[in-house]
């Protein structure tokens, strides 16, 4: 199966970018750390969007509703996609943006003088090349997950961010989920005691989407299906991993040390393709991606994290969201909690009504402040909006971002490491220290919030995000 011209060009860009990536170096490498870094405030934030297929349109709709934020540039391979979002802006009485399209359109956007933040929702293979180019041209970057596919790309993001002093945030929206942020509050209050274990996952039957034609809602040039043809391990680890890392202070007091990863045989995608795509190249293709991948990580402080990935089995959606410590446990899908109140164990889950009551009482301040408007605007139940809100608020007010380039690199590194382990009978893989020792002194993520009054936010004028696919 040959690559299409656009896919070949994008792959060439990625290969070239990886070739010039700085080698991993321990020590400062002559650059300042980005941990705790705060750029100069940008009260009037100008945003350029690259990638307007599945996730990009929803981001345009959400961010354009934030006070002091203006969409100035729109880019996609296809001109009509960019024009469609421009029409949405005009319909909603927002200034029109400049449109870019074609093979090189994203470069022109990154080079534009009236862009402060590049918001990237392209296929995976373009994430690092576009992010690097944007930072090299003086732009902060917000890049969809995973931010990188190889260890070389992870190091390149770190090196370029440090060198240019530009933020590179991975858009891990699950860190802003209501239950995940509730878990973070409990962790900070010590409700779990000493946290020793976590579990996360991305279990989501995506077969119909993977095999669909683009005109029927599928991925551009079947890029995700083509990726699954040649790669195994866990290609999409960050939804389950990110919130656990924040609760465990990974990169900020602890670090991922090593992992082992094993994949099951591949069966679900082939069965689906033979049943639904008989007589096409899709039915003949044999994916390398196993149906279920299970990865176990051990941290420097001796904690363990289990992460799973399955996008081919007929199973209900789950991210697991489990945090376990010496005093209690939280799990999700379904949501439940239990605590060792009397010191003799927790042998049953808290009653559902009591668990929900606790969720409301201990709700994260960000959800208390903006949760209702987030649910109204939408984006995965509101967590996408809270992520965008907090990102823009930090940039407008000169605050450190909740996720930094080291998080993007460490969490994304599992794409490469799990594949290497799975292809080698679960061989142990060391997780690089992208902070170069900074994890030992970096401050943990606090319990953050926003000041909607300071932003001049009028919730009554907001509109529902109607451009977001739930993937």
Protein backbone atom coordinates (compact mmCIF):
# COMPACT_ATOMS: atom_id res chain seq x y z
CA UNK A 1 0.00 0.00 0.00
CA UNK A 2 1.62 3.23 -1.16
CA UNK A 3 1.55 6.51 0.71
CA UNK A 4 -0.47 9.33 -0.80
CA UNK A 5 1.47 12.41 -1.93
CA UNK A 6 0.38 14.53 1.02
CA UNK A 7 1.15 11.75 3.49
CA UNK A 8 4.57 11.25 1.89
CA UNK A 9 5.37 14.95 2.17
CA UNK A 10 4.27 15.05 5.79
CA UNK A 11 6.30 11.94 6.58
CA UNK A 12 9.32 13.54 4.94
CA UNK A 13 8.89 16.62 7.10
CA UNK A 14 8.75 14.41 10.20
CA UNK A 15 11.86 12.48 9.17
CA UNK A 16 13.81 15.65 8.51
CA UNK A 17 12.75 17.13 11.83
CA UNK A 18 13.81 14.02 13.73
CA UNK A 19 17.18 14.06 12.01
CA UNK A 20 18.03 17.49 13.39
CA UNK A 21 16.72 16.77 16.88
CA UNK A 22 19.21 17.42 19.64
CA UNK A 23 20.59 14.31 21.28
CA UNK A 24 19.39 13.66 24.81
CA UNK A 25 21.72 15.48 27.19
CA UNK A 26 21.86 15.49 30.94
CA UNK A 27 22.48 18.88 32.49
CA UNK A 28 21.18 22.26 31.41
CA UNK A 29 22.51 22.00 27.82
CA UNK A 30 22.94 25.77 27.97
CA UNK A 31 19.20 26.38 28.21
CA UNK A 32 16.88 27.44 30.98
CA UNK A 33 14.24 25.09 32.26
CA UNK A 34 10.62 25.51 31.19
CA UNK A 35 9.36 24.17 34.51
CA UNK A 36 7.43 26.97 36.17
CA UNK A 37 8.13 29.20 33.16
CA UNK A 38 5.81 32.17 32.68
CA UNK A 39 5.94 34.15 29.45
CA UNK A 40 5.10 37.84 29.22
CA UNK A 41 1.32 38.45 29.45
CA UNK A 42 -0.60 38.60 26.17
CA UNK A 43 -3.85 40.41 27.06
CA UNK A 44 -5.09 40.32 23.46
CA UNK A 45 -4.29 36.75 22.44
CA UNK A 46 -4.19 35.97 18.70
CA UNK A 47 -4.64 32.32 17.76
CA UNK A 48 -3.97 30.45 14.54
CA UNK A 49 -5.52 27.00 14.00
CA UNK A 50 -3.89 24.26 11.93
CA UNK A 51 -6.05 21.23 11.18
CA UNK A 52 -9.80 21.74 10.79
CA UNK A 53 -11.05 18.22 10.24
CA UNK A 54 -12.26 16.49 13.41
CA UNK A 55 -11.07 18.32 16.53
CA UNK A 56 -10.07 21.67 15.09
CA UNK A 57 -13.54 23.14 14.40
CA UNK A 58 -14.70 22.61 17.99
CA UNK A 59 -11.59 24.37 19.28
CA UNK A 60 -12.27 27.34 16.99
CA UNK A 61 -15.82 27.59 18.31
CA UNK A 62 -14.77 27.39 21.96
CA UNK A 63 -11.76 29.67 21.92
CA UNK A 64 -13.37 32.37 19.78
CA UNK A 65 -15.91 32.90 22.59
CA UNK A 66 -13.26 33.85 25.15
CA UNK A 67 -12.85 37.59 25.87
CA UNK A 68 -9.57 39.02 24.64
CA UNK A 69 -8.96 36.08 22.29
CA UNK A 70 -9.17 36.43 18.52
CA UNK A 71 -8.86 33.79 15.80
CA UNK A 72 -6.58 35.42 13.22
CA UNK A 73 -5.58 32.50 10.96
CA UNK A 74 -7.16 29.22 9.84
CA UNK A 75 -5.38 26.41 7.98
CA UNK A 76 -6.23 23.00 6.57
CA UNK A 77 -5.17 20.84 3.63
CA UNK A 78 -8.59 21.66 2.16
CA UNK A 79 -9.62 25.24 1.55
CA UNK A 80 -13.33 24.53 2.08
CA UNK A 81 -12.70 23.35 5.65
CA UNK A 82 -10.94 26.57 6.56
CA UNK A 83 -13.57 28.68 4.78
CA UNK A 84 -16.31 26.83 6.65
CA UNK A 85 -14.83 27.97 9.98
CA UNK A 86 -14.45 31.50 8.66
CA UNK A 87 -18.14 31.46 7.82
CA UNK A 88 -18.88 30.30 11.37
CA UNK A 89 -16.85 33.20 12.75
CA UNK A 90 -18.69 35.70 10.57
CA UNK A 91 -22.08 34.18 11.41
CA UNK A 92 -21.26 34.60 15.10
CA UNK A 93 -20.10 38.20 14.64
CA UNK A 94 -16.40 37.45 15.04
CA UNK A 95 -13.69 39.01 12.84
CA UNK A 96 -12.82 36.88 9.84
CA UNK A 97 -9.45 35.14 9.81
CA UNK A 98 -6.87 34.74 7.07
CA UNK A 99 -7.18 31.36 5.36
CA UNK A 100 -4.30 29.05 4.43
CA UNK A 101 -4.53 25.67 2.71
CA UNK A 102 -2.56 23.11 0.73
CA UNK A 103 0.71 21.33 1.43
CA UNK A 104 2.61 24.34 2.78
CA UNK A 105 -0.19 26.43 4.25
CA UNK A 106 0.72 25.59 7.82
CA UNK A 107 4.17 27.12 7.36
CA UNK A 108 2.70 30.46 6.29
CA UNK A 109 0.48 30.45 9.38
CA UNK A 110 3.45 29.79 11.67
CA UNK A 111 5.37 32.62 10.01
CA UNK A 112 2.54 35.16 10.35
CA UNK A 113 3.17 38.24 12.51
CA UNK A 114 -0.33 38.33 13.99
CA UNK A 115 -0.30 34.93 15.73
CA UNK A 116 0.71 34.43 19.37
CA UNK A 117 -0.50 30.85 19.80
CA UNK A 118 -0.57 28.06 17.24
CA UNK A 119 -3.31 25.54 18.06
CA UNK A 120 -2.58 22.30 16.23
CA UNK A 121 -5.09 19.52 15.52
CA UNK A 122 -3.37 17.77 12.62
CA UNK A 123 -2.73 14.03 12.05
CA UNK A 124 -0.26 12.55 14.54
CA UNK A 125 2.68 12.44 12.15
CA UNK A 126 2.58 16.22 11.78
CA UNK A 127 2.37 17.13 15.47
CA UNK A 128 6.06 17.55 16.22
CA UNK A 129 7.16 19.06 12.86
CA UNK A 130 4.47 21.75 13.03
CA UNK A 131 5.04 22.45 16.74
CA UNK A 132 8.79 22.82 16.25
CA UNK A 133 8.39 25.11 13.24
CA UNK A 134 5.90 27.27 15.14
CA UNK A 135 8.20 27.69 18.15
CA UNK A 136 11.13 28.46 15.89
CA UNK A 137 9.04 31.29 14.46
CA UNK A 138 8.26 32.79 17.84
CA UNK A 139 4.90 31.19 18.61
CA UNK A 140 3.61 29.40 21.67
CA UNK A 141 2.14 26.02 20.75
CA UNK A 142 -0.80 23.91 21.88
CA UNK A 143 -0.63 20.52 20.17
CA UNK A 144 -3.11 17.67 20.17
CA UNK A 145 -2.26 14.28 21.71
CA UNK A 146 0.15 12.62 21.42
CA UNK A 147 2.59 15.50 20.99
CA UNK A 148 5.30 13.22 19.58
CA UNK A 149 5.63 9.69 18.22
CA UNK A 150 9.31 8.92 18.85
CA UNK A 151 11.85 9.59 21.58
CA UNK A 152 13.76 11.75 19.13
CA UNK A 153 10.69 13.91 18.59
CA UNK A 154 10.10 14.14 22.34
CA UNK A 155 13.62 15.45 22.87
CA UNK A 156 13.24 17.84 19.96
CA UNK A 157 10.15 19.42 21.51
CA UNK A 158 12.01 19.87 24.81
CA UNK A 159 15.15 21.28 23.21
CA UNK A 160 13.33 23.73 20.95
CA UNK A 161 10.98 24.92 23.70
CA UNK A 162 13.93 25.54 26.02
CA UNK A 163 15.92 27.30 23.31
CA UNK A 164 13.10 29.54 22.06
CA UNK A 165 11.51 30.10 25.50
CA UNK A 166 8.11 29.29 24.01
CA UNK A 167 5.43 27.19 25.66
CA UNK A 168 4.66 23.80 24.15
CA UNK A 169 1.55 22.38 25.79
CA UNK A 170 -0.02 19.08 24.83
CA UNK A 171 -3.80 19.40 24.74
CA UNK A 172 -4.52 16.60 27.21
CA UNK A 173 -8.14 17.44 27.83
CA UNK A 174 -8.72 14.53 30.23
CA UNK A 175 -6.66 16.39 32.85
CA UNK A 176 -9.65 18.75 32.99
CA UNK A 177 -12.35 16.10 33.40
CA UNK A 178 -14.64 16.57 36.40
CA UNK A 179 -13.73 13.28 38.07
CA UNK A 180 -10.03 13.62 37.26
CA UNK A 181 -9.87 17.10 38.78
CA UNK A 182 -11.87 15.89 41.79
CA UNK A 183 -9.27 13.14 42.22
CA UNK A 184 -6.52 15.75 42.11
CA UNK A 185 -8.21 17.70 44.92
CA UNK A 186 -8.46 14.55 47.06
CA UNK A 187 -4.82 13.74 46.32
CA UNK A 188 -3.69 17.22 47.37
CA UNK A 189 -5.75 16.98 50.58
CA UNK A 190 -4.19 13.60 51.43
CA UNK A 191 -7.49 11.73 51.26
CA UNK A 192 -5.81 8.75 49.54
CA UNK A 193 -2.96 8.72 52.03
CA UNK A 194 0.29 7.84 50.28
CA UNK A 195 -0.55 7.17 46.64
CA UNK A 196 1.05 3.94 45.48
CA UNK A 197 -0.81 2.92 42.32
CA UNK A 198 -2.86 4.28 39.44
CA UNK A 199 -4.66 2.85 36.42
CA UNK A 200 -5.75 4.57 33.24
CA UNK A 201 -6.84 3.58 29.76
CA UNK A 202 -8.17 4.52 26.38
CA UNK A 203 -10.77 1.86 25.63
CA UNK A 204 -12.91 3.12 22.77
CA UNK A 205 -14.24 1.11 19.84
CA UNK A 206 -13.05 3.21 16.88
CA UNK A 207 -13.32 0.61 14.13
CA UNK A 208 -16.15 2.31 12.25
CA UNK A 209 -14.26 5.61 12.32
CA UNK A 210 -10.92 4.06 11.35
CA UNK A 211 -12.37 2.33 8.32
CA UNK A 212 -14.74 5.08 7.20
CA UNK A 213 -14.05 7.23 4.16
CA UNK A 214 -13.27 10.86 4.91
CA UNK A 215 -16.46 12.08 3.22
CA UNK A 216 -18.37 9.91 5.69
CA UNK A 217 -16.57 11.21 8.75
CA UNK A 218 -13.35 9.16 8.62
CA UNK A 219 -9.76 10.32 9.02
CA UNK A 220 -7.92 12.17 6.27
CA UNK A 221 -6.29 9.63 3.95
CA UNK A 222 -7.00 6.94 6.59
CA UNK A 223 -3.92 8.20 8.44
CA UNK A 224 -4.85 6.52 11.73
CA UNK A 225 -5.58 3.18 10.07
CA UNK A 226 -2.28 3.38 8.19
CA UNK A 227 -0.48 4.09 11.45
CA UNK A 228 -2.06 1.00 12.99
CA UNK A 229 -0.85 -1.06 10.04
CA UNK A 230 2.80 -0.62 10.97
CA UNK A 231 2.85 0.23 14.69
CA UNK A 232 1.96 -1.68 17.84
CA UNK A 233 2.28 -0.96 21.56
CA UNK A 234 0.18 1.93 22.85
CA UNK A 235 -0.06 4.71 20.26
CA UNK A 236 -2.48 6.84 22.34
CA UNK A 237 -1.48 6.62 26.01
CA UNK A 238 -1.99 10.11 27.39
CA UNK A 239 -5.73 10.26 28.17
CA UNK A 240 -5.38 7.75 30.99
CA UNK A 241 -1.81 8.62 31.91
CA UNK A 242 -1.92 12.41 32.20
CA UNK A 243 -4.31 12.78 35.16
CA UNK A 244 -2.50 10.03 37.08
CA UNK A 245 0.84 11.73 36.52
CA UNK A 246 -0.56 14.99 37.87
CA UNK A 247 -1.94 13.27 40.98
CA UNK A 248 1.41 11.50 41.53
CA UNK A 249 3.48 14.63 40.84
CA UNK A 250 5.33 12.96 37.97
CA UNK A 251 7.98 15.43 36.67
CA UNK A 252 7.37 17.45 39.85
CA UNK A 253 8.70 15.35 42.72
CA UNK A 254 8.66 11.93 41.05
CA UNK A 255 9.39 10.60 37.58
CA UNK A 256 8.53 7.60 35.44
CA UNK A 257 11.52 5.28 35.73
CA UNK A 258 10.88 2.24 33.51
CA UNK A 259 8.07 0.28 31.90
CA UNK A 260 7.13 -3.08 30.43
CA UNK A 261 4.46 -3.48 27.76
CA UNK A 262 2.67 -6.45 26.20
CA UNK A 263 0.12 -6.52 23.38
CA UNK A 264 -2.48 -9.14 22.60
CA UNK A 265 -2.86 -10.59 19.14
CA UNK A 266 -4.67 -8.56 16.51
CA UNK A 267 -8.12 -9.85 15.65
CA UNK A 268 -10.82 -7.20 15.97
CA UNK A 269 -9.79 -4.90 13.14
CA UNK A 270 -9.34 -7.71 10.63
CA UNK A 271 -12.71 -9.19 11.53
CA UNK A 272 -14.38 -5.82 11.11
CA UNK A 273 -12.65 -5.13 7.79
CA UNK A 274 -13.59 -8.51 6.34
CA UNK A 275 -17.22 -7.99 7.35
CA UNK A 276 -17.58 -4.33 6.37
CA UNK A 277 -14.95 -3.68 3.68
CA UNK A 278 -14.85 -6.89 1.63
CA UNK A 279 -13.13 -6.52 -1.73
CA UNK A 280 -11.13 -3.43 -0.73
CA UNK A 281 -7.54 -2.85 0.35
CA UNK A 282 -8.80 -2.43 3.89
CA UNK A 283 -9.89 -6.07 4.06
CA UNK A 284 -6.48 -7.24 2.84
CA UNK A 285 -4.53 -5.07 5.28
CA UNK A 286 -3.20 -6.79 8.41
CA UNK A 287 -2.68 -4.26 11.25
CA UNK A 288 0.33 -4.63 13.53
CA UNK A 289 -1.59 -3.04 16.41
CA UNK A 290 -2.72 -5.62 18.96
CA UNK A 291 -6.31 -5.42 20.16
CA UNK A 292 -5.28 -4.81 23.79
CA UNK A 293 -2.03 -3.33 25.01
CA UNK A 294 -1.21 -3.35 28.71
CA UNK A 295 1.70 -1.32 30.05
CA UNK A 296 3.03 -1.19 33.62
CA UNK A 297 5.22 1.73 34.68
CA UNK A 298 7.29 2.05 37.85
CA UNK A 299 8.26 5.50 39.10
CA UNK A 300 11.43 6.62 40.83
CA UNK A 301 9.58 6.65 44.17
CA UNK A 302 8.26 3.13 43.68
CA UNK A 303 4.71 3.84 42.55
CA UNK A 304 3.15 1.80 39.75
CA UNK A 305 0.86 2.86 36.89
CA UNK A 306 -1.06 0.51 34.61
CA UNK A 307 -2.15 1.91 31.22
CA UNK A 308 -4.27 0.08 28.63
CA UNK A 309 -5.20 0.77 25.01
CA UNK A 310 -7.95 -0.94 23.01
CA UNK A 311 -9.73 0.68 20.07
CA UNK A 312 -10.85 -2.51 18.32
CA UNK A 313 -13.04 -4.45 20.76
CA UNK A 314 -16.82 -4.06 21.20
CA UNK A 315 -16.49 -2.61 24.69
CA UNK A 316 -18.11 0.45 26.28
CA UNK A 317 -15.87 3.49 26.55
CA UNK A 318 -13.57 3.64 29.60
CA UNK A 319 -10.51 5.53 30.85
CA UNK A 320 -10.55 3.58 34.18
CA UNK A 321 -9.31 6.62 36.20
CA UNK A 322 -8.12 4.73 39.26
CA UNK A 323 -6.04 6.22 42.06
CA UNK A 324 -5.12 4.01 45.03
CA UNK A 325 -3.30 4.88 48.25
CA UNK A 326 -2.83 3.80 51.84
CA UNK A 327 -6.10 5.43 52.95
CA UNK A 328 -8.48 5.13 50.02
CA UNK A 329 -9.27 4.58 46.38
CA UNK A 330 -11.14 6.29 43.54
CA UNK A 331 -12.21 4.55 40.35
CA UNK A 332 -14.33 5.58 37.38
CA UNK A 333 -16.50 3.92 34.71
CA UNK A 334 -18.54 3.65 36.89
CA UNK A 335 -17.54 6.36 39.36
CA UNK A 336 -16.98 5.10 42.92
CA UNK A 337 -14.82 5.81 45.96
CA UNK A 338 -13.86 4.03 49.18
CA UNK A 339 -11.86 5.12 52.22
CA UNK A 340 -10.32 3.37 55.22
CA UNK A 341 -12.11 5.43 57.84
CA UNK A 342 -11.51 3.27 60.94
CA UNK A 343 -8.10 1.93 60.06
CA UNK A 344 -9.25 -1.64 59.43
CA UNK A 345 -9.68 -1.43 55.67
CA UNK A 346 -12.25 -0.37 53.08
CA UNK A 347 -14.24 -3.48 52.23
CA UNK A 348 -17.07 -1.86 50.28
CA UNK A 349 -17.61 1.15 48.06
CA UNK A 350 -19.26 4.26 49.41
CA UNK A 351 -22.97 4.45 48.57
CA UNK A 352 -23.53 6.04 45.16
CA UNK A 353 -25.46 9.00 46.55
CA UNK A 354 -22.73 9.69 49.11
CA UNK A 355 -20.03 9.45 46.47
CA UNK A 356 -21.84 11.94 44.25
CA UNK A 357 -22.37 14.25 47.24
CA UNK A 358 -18.63 14.12 47.97
CA UNK A 359 -17.88 14.87 44.32
CA UNK A 360 -19.96 18.03 44.55
CA UNK A 361 -18.55 19.06 47.93
CA UNK A 362 -14.94 18.53 46.88
CA UNK A 363 -15.35 19.67 43.29
CA UNK A 364 -12.25 21.29 41.85
CA UNK A 365 -12.40 25.13 41.99
CA UNK A 366 -12.13 25.32 38.20
CA UNK A 367 -15.28 23.23 37.89
CA UNK A 368 -17.02 25.30 40.56
CA UNK A 369 -16.11 28.51 38.75
CA UNK A 370 -16.77 27.53 35.15
CA UNK A 371 -18.23 24.02 35.17
CA UNK A 372 -21.78 25.00 34.25
CA UNK A 373 -20.76 27.16 31.32
CA UNK A 374 -18.28 24.46 30.29
CA UNK A 375 -21.06 21.88 30.14
CA UNK A 376 -23.22 24.29 28.15
CA UNK A 377 -20.53 25.08 25.59
CA UNK A 378 -19.39 21.46 25.54
CA UNK A 379 -16.43 19.59 24.17
CA UNK A 380 -16.31 16.14 25.81
CA UNK A 381 -18.74 17.20 28.51
CA UNK A 382 -17.01 20.51 29.13
CA UNK A 383 -13.44 19.45 29.80
CA UNK A 384 -12.28 20.73 26.40
CA UNK A 385 -13.64 24.17 27.17
CA UNK A 386 -12.00 24.23 30.62
CA UNK A 387 -8.69 23.24 29.04
CA UNK A 388 -8.93 26.04 26.47
CA UNK A 389 -10.15 28.51 29.07
CA UNK A 390 -7.28 27.80 31.42
CA UNK A 391 -4.69 27.81 28.58
CA UNK A 392 -5.79 31.22 27.33
CA UNK A 393 -6.16 32.62 30.84
CA UNK A 394 -2.57 31.66 31.68
CA UNK A 395 -1.20 33.16 28.46
CA UNK A 396 -3.21 36.35 28.88
CA UNK A 397 -2.04 36.79 32.48
CA UNK A 398 1.54 35.61 32.20
CA UNK A 399 1.11 32.48 34.33
CA UNK A 400 2.86 29.09 34.03
CA UNK A 401 0.80 26.56 32.09
CA UNK A 402 -0.73 23.55 33.86
CA UNK A 403 1.05 21.20 31.44
CA UNK A 404 4.55 21.98 30.19
CA UNK A 405 6.77 20.58 27.45
CA UNK A 406 8.24 17.99 29.83
CA UNK A 407 4.76 16.57 30.42
CA UNK A 408 4.17 16.51 26.67
CA UNK A 409 7.43 14.65 26.10
CA UNK A 410 7.20 12.20 29.02
CA UNK A 411 3.59 11.22 28.44
CA UNK A 412 4.06 10.95 24.66
CA UNK A 413 7.25 8.89 25.03
CA UNK A 414 5.09 5.84 25.74
CA UNK A 415 4.16 5.69 22.04
CA UNK A 416 7.74 4.69 21.22
CA UNK A 417 8.68 2.88 24.43
CA UNK A 418 5.62 0.61 24.55
CA UNK A 419 6.14 -0.45 20.96
CA UNK A 420 9.79 -1.31 21.62
CA UNK A 421 8.82 -3.31 24.69
CA UNK A 422 5.89 -5.09 23.05
CA UNK A 423 8.01 -6.09 20.06
CA UNK A 424 10.65 -7.53 22.41
CA UNK A 425 8.63 -9.85 24.64
CA UNK A 426 7.85 -7.14 27.18
CA UNK A 427 11.48 -6.10 27.61
CA UNK A 428 12.04 -3.34 30.17
CA UNK A 429 12.38 0.16 28.71
CA UNK A 430 13.85 3.08 30.63
CA UNK A 431 11.80 6.28 30.48
CA UNK A 432 14.10 9.26 29.76
CA UNK A 433 14.25 12.11 32.23
CA UNK A 434 13.18 14.94 29.96
CA UNK A 435 13.50 17.41 32.86
CA UNK A 436 17.23 16.62 33.13
CA UNK A 437 16.93 16.31 36.90
CA UNK A 438 14.47 19.17 37.31
CA UNK A 439 11.78 16.82 38.64
CA UNK A 440 13.60 16.67 41.96
CA UNK A 441 12.93 20.35 42.77
CA UNK A 442 9.97 21.38 40.58
CA UNK A 443 6.79 22.45 42.38
CA UNK A 444 3.74 20.15 42.01
CA UNK A 445 0.74 21.42 40.06
CA UNK A 446 -1.45 23.43 42.40
CA UNK A 447 -5.23 23.61 42.59
CA UNK A 448 -5.72 26.22 39.87
CA UNK A 449 -8.66 28.43 38.93
CA UNK A 450 -9.62 31.37 36.70
CA UNK A 451 -11.16 34.77 37.39
CA UNK A 452 -14.05 35.05 34.94
CA UNK A 453 -14.86 38.58 36.10
CA UNK A 454 -11.30 39.67 35.34
CA UNK A 455 -11.68 38.21 31.86
CA UNK A 456 -14.97 40.01 31.32
CA UNK A 457 -16.59 36.70 30.48
CA UNK A 458 -20.32 36.82 29.73
CA UNK A 459 -21.65 33.29 29.97
CA UNK A 460 -25.01 34.37 28.58
CA UNK A 461 -23.55 35.04 25.15
CA UNK A 462 -21.83 31.71 24.72
CA UNK A 463 -22.79 29.13 22.12
CA UNK A 464 -22.63 25.35 22.19
CA UNK A 465 -19.57 23.78 20.60
CA UNK A 466 -21.19 22.10 17.61
CA UNK A 467 -18.01 21.18 15.78
CA UNK A 468 -16.51 18.57 18.08
CA UNK A 469 -16.43 14.87 17.38
CA UNK A 470 -16.19 12.73 20.50
CA UNK A 471 -12.85 11.03 19.69
